[in-house]
Amino acid sequence: MSKRALHDAARARTLLADYTCEVRGPKQAQEHRCTLSLLSKGGRPEHTATGEWCPRRAKAEESAAAACLLTLDSSSTGPTRPPKPSRTAAAAPYEEGRKPNPRRLLYLLNNADRDEVCRLHRQWRDRFSPTHLSCAWTVLGRSLASEPAAARTRWIEQRREALDALGAATLASFGASYGHRELANTLAGLAKVYGGGHGAPSHRQEARRLLSAAAPVAARLAGSMSPQEVASL
């Protein structure tokens, strides 16, 4: 095994090679034995191997290189390059105060629970587009649809202020900026949140107000909707 092969392998593992050599015997018949240490970039030893006694130093170095390569190949705990951070981890600082871009905000909404949806809208309401509003109603509807009636009513009453704010933002966005898909998803989510007469009377009144405001928008967009989207109206 050549020294070149060793150094190529070491470089692939972000290691540095360091030789030490022992000499024995009389000058006319000296033998050499090399010990090779592979060091991390910080200087910490990672792998060490000693070769055989050889009459020439070059051969002793190659013997140590071969032994160290065997150790390197068989090691399952050797240093590796740190994994790239996931997209979720890379974007996490946005949750701590930086304004999220539209794509990131949509990701946060899609992966939020119903309380987190309310928090996201309270914190970033100025960045909510019709797409984000429809996503918020979809997540809320999906979350509440499986809750018992009493639990749904209690949650709606506890989040009255947050739902009123979300409803007001939705009402203000109805019109030219609302597309047929966003409208269909919003109405489907509203039906699940307020369906069956859950919540305080004022909330039911808010639901009727939103649905009434959506009616002319739905009439304008109905021609471009798919059968599934029309069915959700």
Protein backbone atom coordinates (compact mmCIF):
# COMPACT_ATOMS: atom_id res chain seq x y z
CA MET A 1 0.00 0.00 0.00
CA SER A 2 1.55 3.30 -1.06
CA LYS A 3 1.90 6.44 0.97
CA ARG A 4 -0.11 8.24 -1.74
CA ALA A 5 -3.06 5.91 -1.16
CA LEU A 6 -2.84 6.54 2.57
CA HIS A 7 -2.79 10.30 2.20
CA ASP A 8 -5.72 10.23 -0.21
CA ALA A 9 -7.74 8.16 2.25
CA ALA A 10 -6.73 10.36 5.16
CA ARG A 11 -7.66 13.51 3.23
CA ALA A 12 -11.12 12.07 2.50
CA ARG A 13 -11.64 11.68 6.25
CA THR A 14 -10.26 15.18 6.99
CA LEU A 15 -7.19 13.69 8.75
CA LEU A 16 -3.51 14.61 8.79
CA ALA A 17 -0.76 11.97 8.72
CA ASP A 18 2.27 12.08 11.04
CA TYR A 19 5.14 9.51 10.95
CA THR A 20 7.60 8.60 13.68
CA CYS A 21 10.43 6.18 12.86
CA GLU A 22 12.54 3.82 15.02
CA VAL A 23 15.95 2.54 13.96
CA ARG A 24 17.79 -0.54 15.26
CA GLY A 25 20.92 -2.48 14.47
CA PRO A 26 24.42 -1.48 13.35
CA LYS A 27 24.83 1.19 10.69
CA GLN A 28 25.59 -1.33 7.96
CA ALA A 29 22.44 -3.38 8.69
CA GLN A 30 19.95 -0.95 10.13
CA GLU A 31 16.27 -1.68 10.18
CA HIS A 32 13.45 0.82 10.34
CA ARG A 33 9.99 0.61 11.82
CA CYS A 34 7.49 3.43 11.44
CA THR A 35 4.47 4.35 13.50
CA LEU A 36 1.83 6.38 11.72
CA SER A 37 -0.68 8.57 13.52
CA LEU A 38 -3.66 10.08 11.78
CA LEU A 39 -4.59 13.34 13.41
CA SER A 40 -7.75 15.38 13.22
CA LYS A 41 -7.48 18.96 12.00
CA GLY A 42 -7.33 20.04 15.61
CA GLY A 43 -4.31 17.78 16.26
CA ARG A 44 -6.15 15.05 18.18
CA PRO A 45 -4.94 11.48 17.36
CA GLU A 46 -7.65 9.43 15.67
CA HIS A 47 -5.85 6.30 14.38
CA THR A 48 -2.38 4.90 15.12
CA ALA A 49 -0.67 1.89 13.57
CA THR A 50 2.86 0.50 13.57
CA GLY A 51 4.39 -1.25 10.55
CA GLU A 52 6.98 -4.02 10.29
CA TRP A 53 10.75 -3.73 10.60
CA CYS A 54 12.20 -3.05 7.14
CA PRO A 55 15.74 -2.47 5.85
CA ARG A 56 14.72 0.79 4.19
CA ARG A 57 12.77 3.70 5.69
CA ALA A 58 10.55 4.06 2.61
CA LYS A 59 9.43 0.45 2.94
CA ALA A 60 8.85 0.93 6.67
CA GLU A 61 6.64 3.94 5.94
CA GLU A 62 4.63 1.95 3.41
CA SER A 63 4.23 -0.89 5.90
CA ALA A 64 2.89 1.56 8.49
CA ALA A 65 0.63 3.10 5.86
CA ALA A 66 -0.83 -0.30 4.97
CA ALA A 67 -1.47 -1.12 8.63
CA CYS A 68 -3.09 2.25 9.25
CA LEU A 69 -5.30 1.95 6.19
CA LEU A 70 -6.62 -1.35 7.49
CA THR A 71 -7.47 0.38 10.77
CA LEU A 72 -9.04 3.29 8.92
CA ASP A 73 -11.21 1.08 6.71
CA SER A 74 -12.41 -1.14 9.55
CA SER A 75 -13.16 1.68 11.99
CA SER A 76 -16.80 2.51 12.42
CA THR A 77 -16.16 5.40 14.78
CA GLY A 78 -13.75 7.46 12.74
CA PRO A 79 -14.39 11.15 12.26
CA THR A 80 -16.86 12.10 9.59
CA ARG A 81 -17.93 15.36 8.14
CA PRO A 82 -20.75 16.91 10.17
CA PRO A 83 -24.14 16.38 8.55
CA LYS A 84 -25.73 19.28 6.81
CA PRO A 85 -28.44 20.85 8.92
CA SER A 86 -31.98 19.96 7.88
CA ARG A 87 -34.14 22.58 6.24
CA THR A 88 -36.24 22.70 9.37
CA ALA A 89 -33.23 23.31 11.62
CA ALA A 90 -31.75 25.84 9.21
CA ALA A 91 -34.96 27.84 9.23
CA ALA A 92 -35.56 27.58 12.99
CA PRO A 93 -34.18 31.10 13.79
CA TYR A 94 -37.22 32.57 12.00
CA GLU A 95 -39.33 31.37 14.93
CA GLU A 96 -37.25 33.38 17.36
CA GLY A 97 -38.08 36.80 15.92
CA ARG A 98 -36.86 37.08 12.35
CA LYS A 99 -39.60 37.62 9.82
CA PRO A 100 -40.31 34.35 7.99
CA ASN A 101 -40.48 34.38 4.23
CA PRO A 102 -43.83 33.29 2.71
CA ARG A 103 -42.68 29.74 2.04
CA ARG A 104 -41.35 29.31 5.57
CA LEU A 105 -44.50 30.74 7.11
CA LEU A 106 -46.61 28.30 5.10
CA TYR A 107 -44.41 25.45 6.34
CA LEU A 108 -44.86 26.57 9.94
CA LEU A 109 -48.62 26.73 9.55
CA ASN A 110 -48.87 23.31 7.94
CA ASN A 111 -46.93 21.78 10.85
CA ALA A 112 -48.61 23.75 13.66
CA ASP A 113 -51.29 22.74 16.11
CA ARG A 114 -54.33 24.97 16.52
CA ASP A 115 -52.84 27.06 19.33
CA GLU A 116 -49.67 27.59 17.31
CA VAL A 117 -51.76 28.75 14.33
CA CYS A 118 -53.27 31.47 16.51
CA ARG A 119 -49.83 32.46 17.79
CA LEU A 120 -48.36 32.64 14.28
CA HIS A 121 -51.18 34.87 13.10
CA ARG A 122 -50.87 37.12 16.13
CA GLN A 123 -47.12 37.49 15.57
CA TRP A 124 -47.00 37.67 11.77
CA ARG A 125 -50.46 38.81 10.70
CA ASP A 126 -49.00 41.45 8.39
CA ARG A 127 -47.33 38.66 6.39
CA PHE A 128 -50.45 36.52 5.94
CA SER A 129 -51.56 36.27 2.33
CA PRO A 130 -54.78 34.54 1.20
CA THR A 131 -52.74 31.35 0.89
CA HIS A 132 -51.65 31.60 4.53
CA LEU A 133 -55.17 32.47 5.70
CA SER A 134 -56.69 29.49 3.89
CA CYS A 135 -53.97 27.24 5.32
CA ALA A 136 -54.70 28.54 8.83
CA TRP A 137 -58.42 27.75 8.50
CA THR A 138 -57.61 24.35 7.03
CA VAL A 139 -55.36 23.42 9.95
CA LEU A 140 -57.88 24.71 12.49
CA GLY A 141 -60.70 22.79 10.84
CA ARG A 142 -58.69 19.58 10.63
CA SER A 143 -57.70 19.86 14.28
CA LEU A 144 -61.18 20.63 15.62
CA ALA A 145 -63.11 18.20 13.44
CA SER A 146 -62.12 15.23 15.61
CA GLU A 147 -62.81 16.97 18.94
CA PRO A 148 -65.96 16.30 20.99
CA ALA A 149 -68.53 19.07 20.75
CA ALA A 150 -67.91 20.29 24.30
CA ALA A 151 -64.15 20.51 23.78
CA ARG A 152 -64.60 22.34 20.47
CA THR A 153 -66.98 24.87 22.03
CA ARG A 154 -64.62 25.44 24.97
CA TRP A 155 -61.60 25.98 22.71
CA ILE A 156 -63.47 28.38 20.40
CA GLU A 157 -64.64 30.44 23.38
CA GLN A 158 -61.15 30.51 24.88
CA ARG A 159 -59.65 31.70 21.57
CA ARG A 160 -62.31 34.24 20.75
CA GLU A 161 -59.91 37.14 20.30
CA ALA A 162 -57.55 35.15 18.09
CA LEU A 163 -60.35 33.79 15.91
CA ASP A 164 -61.91 37.23 15.58
CA ALA A 165 -58.56 38.61 14.40
CA LEU A 166 -58.13 35.77 11.90
CA GLY A 167 -61.69 36.27 10.69
CA ALA A 168 -61.19 40.02 10.26
CA ALA A 169 -58.01 39.42 8.24
CA THR A 170 -59.83 36.89 6.08
CA LEU A 171 -62.74 39.26 5.51
CA ALA A 172 -60.35 42.04 4.51
CA SER A 173 -58.62 39.73 2.02
CA PHE A 174 -61.79 38.62 0.22
CA GLY A 175 -61.96 40.06 -3.25
CA ALA A 176 -59.53 40.20 -6.13
CA SER A 177 -56.65 38.76 -4.10
CA TYR A 178 -58.47 35.55 -3.17
CA GLY A 179 -58.10 32.69 -5.62
CA HIS A 180 -60.55 29.84 -6.11
CA ARG A 181 -58.37 27.30 -4.30
CA GLU A 182 -57.78 29.57 -1.32
CA LEU A 183 -61.49 30.34 -1.11
CA ALA A 184 -62.49 26.68 -1.25
CA ASN A 185 -59.99 25.73 1.46
CA THR A 186 -61.03 28.66 3.66
CA LEU A 187 -64.73 27.83 3.47
CA ALA A 188 -64.08 24.14 4.11
CA GLY A 189 -62.01 25.06 7.19
CA LEU A 190 -64.64 27.51 8.43
CA ALA A 191 -67.33 24.85 8.11
CA LYS A 192 -65.32 22.46 10.26
CA VAL A 193 -64.48 25.07 12.89
CA TYR A 194 -67.99 26.48 13.27
CA GLY A 195 -70.02 23.56 11.92
CA GLY A 196 -72.84 22.28 14.10
CA GLY A 197 -73.35 25.61 15.87
CA HIS A 198 -70.30 25.32 18.12
CA GLY A 199 -68.92 28.30 20.00
CA ALA A 200 -70.44 31.39 21.53
CA PRO A 201 -73.27 33.21 19.69
CA SER A 202 -70.89 35.98 18.69
CA HIS A 203 -68.65 33.42 17.02
CA ARG A 204 -71.52 31.93 15.09
CA GLN A 205 -72.39 35.45 14.01
CA GLU A 206 -68.79 35.94 12.84
CA ALA A 207 -68.98 32.71 10.85
CA ARG A 208 -72.19 33.85 9.13
CA ARG A 209 -70.59 37.20 8.35
CA LEU A 210 -67.58 35.50 6.74
CA LEU A 211 -69.71 33.10 4.75
CA SER A 212 -71.95 35.93 3.55
CA ALA A 213 -68.94 37.97 2.45
CA ALA A 214 -67.54 34.94 0.62
CA ALA A 215 -70.72 34.35 -1.38
CA PRO A 216 -70.09 36.95 -4.14
CA VAL A 217 -66.43 35.88 -4.34
CA ALA A 218 -67.51 32.26 -4.74
CA ALA A 219 -69.98 33.24 -7.47
CA ARG A 220 -67.25 35.07 -9.35
CA LEU A 221 -64.77 32.19 -9.07
CA ALA A 222 -67.11 29.24 -9.43
CA GLY A 223 -66.41 28.87 -13.15
CA SER A 224 -62.71 28.22 -12.53
CA MET A 225 -63.22 25.76 -9.66
CA SER A 226 -62.85 22.02 -9.85
CA PRO A 227 -65.84 19.83 -8.86
CA GLN A 228 -64.12 19.07 -5.53
CA GLU A 229 -63.65 22.76 -4.79
CA VAL A 230 -67.26 23.56 -5.73
CA ALA A 231 -68.43 20.77 -3.43
CA SER A 232 -66.69 22.42 -0.48
CA LEU A 233 -68.59 25.68 -0.88
